[in-house]
Amino acid sequence: MTKKIYATFGAVLIAAAMLSGCGNTIRGAGQDIAGTVEGTQAAGRSVERASR
């Protein structure tokens, strides 16, 4: 019985660690995309100012 409890606890810990890693990746990708959008908007504003 004790081995089963330890195995279950270990599986839960591994699953939590994997989900935590995925969450960090998703947040990082979101920040990268936001940075790209901001950069594109800034470039658009620069082109607009240069064309005046």
Protein backbone atom coordinates (compact mmCIF):
# COMPACT_ATOMS: atom_id res chain seq x y z
CA MET A 1 0.00 0.00 0.00
CA THR A 2 2.81 2.41 0.85
CA LYS A 3 4.50 1.95 -2.54
CA LYS A 4 1.24 2.79 -4.29
CA ILE A 5 0.91 6.01 -2.28
CA TYR A 6 4.50 7.03 -3.06
CA ALA A 7 4.02 6.21 -6.74
CA THR A 8 0.83 8.28 -6.89
CA PHE A 9 2.48 11.19 -5.08
CA GLY A 10 5.47 11.03 -7.43
CA ALA A 11 3.23 11.00 -10.49
CA VAL A 12 1.34 14.05 -9.20
CA LEU A 13 4.61 15.92 -8.59
CA ILE A 14 5.89 15.10 -12.08
CA ALA A 15 2.61 16.20 -13.67
CA ALA A 16 2.68 19.47 -11.70
CA ALA A 17 6.25 20.16 -12.78
CA MET A 18 5.41 19.52 -16.42
CA LEU A 19 2.34 21.77 -16.32
CA SER A 20 4.36 24.49 -14.63
CA GLY A 21 6.91 24.33 -17.43
CA CYS A 22 4.18 24.63 -20.06
CA GLY A 23 2.73 27.65 -18.29
CA ASN A 24 6.09 29.40 -18.33
CA THR A 25 6.50 28.67 -22.03
CA ILE A 26 3.06 30.04 -22.86
CA ARG A 27 3.70 33.21 -20.83
CA GLY A 28 7.07 33.66 -22.52
CA ALA A 29 5.55 33.25 -25.97
CA GLY A 30 2.87 35.78 -25.10
CA GLN A 31 5.51 38.29 -24.04
CA ASP A 32 7.47 37.68 -27.26
CA ILE A 33 4.36 38.23 -29.38
CA ALA A 34 3.50 41.40 -27.46
CA GLY A 35 7.03 42.69 -28.04
CA THR A 36 6.78 41.95 -31.75
CA VAL A 37 3.46 43.80 -32.01
CA GLU A 38 4.87 46.81 -30.16
CA GLY A 39 7.93 46.85 -32.44
CA THR A 40 5.78 46.64 -35.56
CA GLN A 41 3.58 49.49 -34.36
CA ALA A 42 6.63 51.62 -33.59
CA ALA A 43 8.04 50.94 -37.05
CA GLY A 44 4.70 51.90 -38.59
CA ARG A 45 4.70 55.18 -36.68
CA SER A 46 8.26 55.91 -37.86
CA VAL A 47 7.30 55.30 -41.50
CA GLU A 48 4.23 57.49 -41.07
CA ARG A 49 6.33 60.34 -39.64
CA ALA A 50 8.93 59.99 -42.37
CA SER A 51 6.31 60.21 -45.10
CA ARG A 52 5.01 63.59 -43.89
